[in-house]
Amino acid sequence: MGKMPMIARILLGLIFFVFGLMGLLNLAPPPPNMPEKLAAFMTGIMATGYFFPLLKSTEVVCGALLLANRFVALALVVLAPIIINIVGVNVFLQPSGLPLALVIVALEAYLAFFSPYKGPIQALFKAKPAA
């Protein structure tokens, strides 16, 4: 395995581990100029009482798995819907965060479809013969 998959895995792992931990421990206060629709979205997530901690805990665990090079394919699959939501939030609610979202998508796509970790993920997309 070359250095590129390792670099991509560590970068993606760091992004999710650090930002997940910051959200879980409330280390970054919300920006004062948050768009109205994004504020409403975040208020709804926080109002559930469980979803935000679950989301951030999942990000921390998956980031740690990527950093430790353990269960990488599983971490990539679990992170995929989170990444889709990150892109959606940044496209529709806060376009200023789109560059980082696109970096995350590029890292995820590279690791999932063009790196040595692609085998287990590609197996998810193969139809099994009918019995």
C-alpha atoms as a PDB file:
ATOM      1  CA  MET A   1       0.000   0.000   0.000  1.00  0.00           C
ATOM      2  CA  GLY A   2       1.393   3.388  -0.997  1.00  0.00           C
ATOM      3  CA  LYS A   3       1.463   6.555   1.039  1.00  0.00           C
ATOM      4  CA  MET A   4      -1.542   8.205  -0.595  1.00  0.00           C
ATOM      5  CA  PRO A   5      -4.202   5.945   0.997  1.00  0.00           C
ATOM      6  CA  MET A   6      -2.515   6.364   4.380  1.00  0.00           C
ATOM      7  CA  ILE A   7      -2.435  10.160   4.025  1.00  0.00           C
ATOM      8  CA  ALA A   8      -6.093  10.298   2.905  1.00  0.00           C
ATOM      9  CA  ARG A   9      -7.155   7.949   5.726  1.00  0.00           C
ATOM     10  CA  ILE A  10      -5.326   9.975   8.371  1.00  0.00           C
ATOM     11  CA  LEU A  11      -6.667  13.311   7.059  1.00  0.00           C
ATOM     12  CA  LEU A  12     -10.249  12.051   6.997  1.00  0.00           C
ATOM     13  CA  GLY A  13      -9.783  10.422  10.407  1.00  0.00           C
ATOM     14  CA  LEU A  14      -8.406  13.632  11.898  1.00  0.00           C
ATOM     15  CA  ILE A  15     -11.234  15.730  10.463  1.00  0.00           C
ATOM     16  CA  PHE A  16     -13.912  13.506  11.964  1.00  0.00           C
ATOM     17  CA  PHE A  17     -12.109  12.786  15.221  1.00  0.00           C
ATOM     18  CA  VAL A  18     -11.266  16.427  15.967  1.00  0.00           C
ATOM     19  CA  PHE A  19     -14.532  18.010  14.803  1.00  0.00           C
ATOM     20  CA  GLY A  20     -16.565  15.230  16.408  1.00  0.00           C
ATOM     21  CA  LEU A  21     -14.757  15.715  19.716  1.00  0.00           C
ATOM     22  CA  MET A  22     -15.166  19.485  19.506  1.00  0.00           C
ATOM     23  CA  GLY A  23     -18.912  19.066  18.991  1.00  0.00           C
ATOM     24  CA  LEU A  24     -19.261  16.392  21.651  1.00  0.00           C
ATOM     25  CA  LEU A  25     -17.412  18.450  24.272  1.00  0.00           C
ATOM     26  CA  ASN A  26     -18.963  21.743  23.094  1.00  0.00           C
ATOM     27  CA  LEU A  27     -15.522  23.279  22.497  1.00  0.00           C
ATOM     28  CA  ALA A  28     -16.585  25.483  19.578  1.00  0.00           C
ATOM     29  CA  PRO A  29     -19.443  27.922  20.184  1.00  0.00           C
ATOM     30  CA  PRO A  30     -21.834  28.441  17.263  1.00  0.00           C
ATOM     31  CA  PRO A  31     -20.891  31.354  15.016  1.00  0.00           C
ATOM     32  CA  PRO A  32     -22.761  34.579  15.817  1.00  0.00           C
ATOM     33  CA  ASN A  33     -23.781  35.168  12.176  1.00  0.00           C
ATOM     34  CA  MET A  34     -25.330  31.740  11.549  1.00  0.00           C
ATOM     35  CA  PRO A  35     -27.910  31.798   8.735  1.00  0.00           C
ATOM     36  CA  GLU A  36     -31.514  31.593   9.954  1.00  0.00           C
ATOM     37  CA  LYS A  37     -32.263  28.255   8.274  1.00  0.00           C
ATOM     38  CA  LEU A  38     -29.076  26.692   9.654  1.00  0.00           C
ATOM     39  CA  ALA A  39     -29.937  27.950  13.151  1.00  0.00           C
ATOM     40  CA  ALA A  40     -33.386  26.357  12.842  1.00  0.00           C
ATOM     41  CA  PHE A  41     -31.813  23.091  11.649  1.00  0.00           C
ATOM     42  CA  MET A  42     -29.331  23.028  14.550  1.00  0.00           C
ATOM     43  CA  THR A  43     -32.057  23.940  17.048  1.00  0.00           C
ATOM     44  CA  GLY A  44     -34.093  20.972  15.852  1.00  0.00           C
ATOM     45  CA  ILE A  45     -31.148  18.572  16.124  1.00  0.00           C
ATOM     46  CA  MET A  46     -30.288  19.812  19.605  1.00  0.00           C
ATOM     47  CA  ALA A  47     -33.942  19.718  20.739  1.00  0.00           C
ATOM     48  CA  THR A  48     -34.111  15.945  20.270  1.00  0.00           C
ATOM     49  CA  GLY A  49     -31.715  15.557  23.166  1.00  0.00           C
ATOM     50  CA  TYR A  50     -30.063  12.463  21.710  1.00  0.00           C
ATOM     51  CA  PHE A  51     -29.242  13.020  18.036  1.00  0.00           C
ATOM     52  CA  PHE A  52     -26.372  15.522  18.285  1.00  0.00           C
ATOM     53  CA  PRO A  53     -24.424  13.476  20.881  1.00  0.00           C
ATOM     54  CA  LEU A  54     -25.065  10.309  18.834  1.00  0.00           C
ATOM     55  CA  LEU A  55     -23.854  12.011  15.651  1.00  0.00           C
ATOM     56  CA  LYS A  56     -20.707  13.426  17.244  1.00  0.00           C
ATOM     57  CA  SER A  57     -19.941  10.149  19.058  1.00  0.00           C
ATOM     58  CA  THR A  58     -20.240   8.310  15.744  1.00  0.00           C
ATOM     59  CA  GLU A  59     -17.863  10.807  14.130  1.00  0.00           C
ATOM     60  CA  VAL A  60     -15.336  10.374  16.967  1.00  0.00           C
ATOM     61  CA  VAL A  61     -15.470   6.566  16.837  1.00  0.00           C
ATOM     62  CA  CYS A  62     -15.215   6.412  13.041  1.00  0.00           C
ATOM     63  CA  GLY A  63     -12.418   8.994  13.045  1.00  0.00           C
ATOM     64  CA  ALA A  64     -10.544   6.920  15.639  1.00  0.00           C
ATOM     65  CA  LEU A  65     -11.049   3.768  13.547  1.00  0.00           C
ATOM     66  CA  LEU A  66      -9.597   5.524  10.508  1.00  0.00           C
ATOM     67  CA  LEU A  67      -6.647   6.828  12.512  1.00  0.00           C
ATOM     68  CA  ALA A  68      -5.994   3.376  13.996  1.00  0.00           C
ATOM     69  CA  ASN A  69      -6.346   1.708  10.560  1.00  0.00           C
ATOM     70  CA  ARG A  70      -8.946  -0.701  11.962  1.00  0.00           C
ATOM     71  CA  PHE A  71     -12.282  -1.540  10.323  1.00  0.00           C
ATOM     72  CA  VAL A  72     -11.619   1.179   7.733  1.00  0.00           C
ATOM     73  CA  ALA A  73     -14.275  -0.046   5.293  1.00  0.00           C
ATOM     74  CA  LEU A  74     -16.892  -0.108   8.071  1.00  0.00           C
ATOM     75  CA  ALA A  75     -15.945   3.411   9.172  1.00  0.00           C
ATOM     76  CA  LEU A  76     -16.206   4.656   5.572  1.00  0.00           C
ATOM     77  CA  VAL A  77     -19.656   3.092   5.137  1.00  0.00           C
ATOM     78  CA  VAL A  78     -20.927   4.540   8.441  1.00  0.00           C
ATOM     79  CA  LEU A  79     -19.540   7.986   7.577  1.00  0.00           C
ATOM     80  CA  ALA A  80     -21.113   8.076   4.086  1.00  0.00           C
ATOM     81  CA  PRO A  81     -24.603   9.289   5.149  1.00  0.00           C
ATOM     82  CA  ILE A  82     -23.015  11.772   7.555  1.00  0.00           C
ATOM     83  CA  ILE A  83     -20.926  13.147   4.682  1.00  0.00           C
ATOM     84  CA  ILE A  84     -24.000  13.390   2.446  1.00  0.00           C
ATOM     85  CA  ASN A  85     -25.694  15.475   5.152  1.00  0.00           C
ATOM     86  CA  ILE A  86     -22.582  17.647   5.574  1.00  0.00           C
ATOM     87  CA  VAL A  87     -22.676  18.405   1.851  1.00  0.00           C
ATOM     88  CA  GLY A  88     -26.427  19.076   1.955  1.00  0.00           C
ATOM     89  CA  VAL A  89     -26.096  21.481   4.861  1.00  0.00           C
ATOM     90  CA  ASN A  90     -23.271  23.336   3.133  1.00  0.00           C
ATOM     91  CA  VAL A  91     -24.999  23.489  -0.253  1.00  0.00           C
ATOM     92  CA  PHE A  92     -28.406  24.600   1.027  1.00  0.00           C
ATOM     93  CA  LEU A  93     -27.830  26.278   4.392  1.00  0.00           C
ATOM     94  CA  GLN A  94     -24.233  27.518   4.678  1.00  0.00           C
ATOM     95  CA  PRO A  95     -22.308  27.684   1.379  1.00  0.00           C
ATOM     96  CA  SER A  96     -19.204  29.105   3.092  1.00  0.00           C
ATOM     97  CA  GLY A  97     -18.409  25.622   4.426  1.00  0.00           C
ATOM     98  CA  LEU A  98     -18.596  23.960   1.015  1.00  0.00           C
ATOM     99  CA  PRO A  99     -14.818  23.798   0.347  1.00  0.00           C
ATOM    100  CA  LEU A 100     -14.191  21.622   3.423  1.00  0.00           C
ATOM    101  CA  ALA A 101     -17.239  19.508   2.588  1.00  0.00           C
ATOM    102  CA  LEU A 102     -15.845  18.874  -0.897  1.00  0.00           C
ATOM    103  CA  VAL A 103     -12.462  17.882   0.561  1.00  0.00           C
ATOM    104  CA  ILE A 104     -14.266  15.397   2.814  1.00  0.00           C
ATOM    105  CA  VAL A 105     -16.180  13.990  -0.179  1.00  0.00           C
ATOM    106  CA  ALA A 106     -12.968  13.660  -2.192  1.00  0.00           C
ATOM    107  CA  LEU A 107     -11.180  11.831   0.641  1.00  0.00           C
ATOM    108  CA  GLU A 108     -14.147   9.513   1.217  1.00  0.00           C
ATOM    109  CA  ALA A 109     -14.557   8.761  -2.505  1.00  0.00           C
ATOM    110  CA  TYR A 110     -10.846   8.090  -2.943  1.00  0.00           C
ATOM    111  CA  LEU A 111     -10.686   5.743   0.035  1.00  0.00           C
ATOM    112  CA  ALA A 112     -13.943   3.964  -0.813  1.00  0.00           C
ATOM    113  CA  PHE A 113     -13.461   3.468  -4.545  1.00  0.00           C
ATOM    114  CA  PHE A 114      -9.807   3.965  -5.532  1.00  0.00           C
ATOM    115  CA  SER A 115      -7.699   2.702  -2.639  1.00  0.00           C
ATOM    116  CA  PRO A 116      -6.842  -0.708  -1.211  1.00  0.00           C
ATOM    117  CA  TYR A 117      -9.936  -0.388   1.033  1.00  0.00           C
ATOM    118  CA  LYS A 118     -12.277  -0.529  -1.981  1.00  0.00           C
ATOM    119  CA  GLY A 119     -12.781  -4.320  -2.020  1.00  0.00           C
ATOM    120  CA  PRO A 120     -15.217  -4.665   0.900  1.00  0.00           C
ATOM    121  CA  ILE A 121     -17.096  -1.538  -0.151  1.00  0.00           C
ATOM    122  CA  GLN A 122     -17.444  -2.613  -3.780  1.00  0.00           C
ATOM    123  CA  ALA A 123     -18.773  -5.948  -2.538  1.00  0.00           C
ATOM    124  CA  LEU A 124     -21.744  -4.061  -1.078  1.00  0.00           C
ATOM    125  CA  PHE A 125     -22.744  -2.986  -4.588  1.00  0.00           C
ATOM    126  CA  LYS A 126     -22.665  -6.452  -6.165  1.00  0.00           C
ATOM    127  CA  ALA A 127     -25.980  -8.212  -6.580  1.00  0.00           C
ATOM    128  CA  LYS A 128     -26.129 -11.761  -5.283  1.00  0.00           C
ATOM    129  CA  PRO A 129     -27.520 -14.375  -7.641  1.00  0.00           C
ATOM    130  CA  ALA A 130     -31.137 -15.251  -7.045  1.00  0.00           C
ATOM    131  CA  ALA A 131     -31.664 -18.558  -5.240  1.00  0.00           C
END
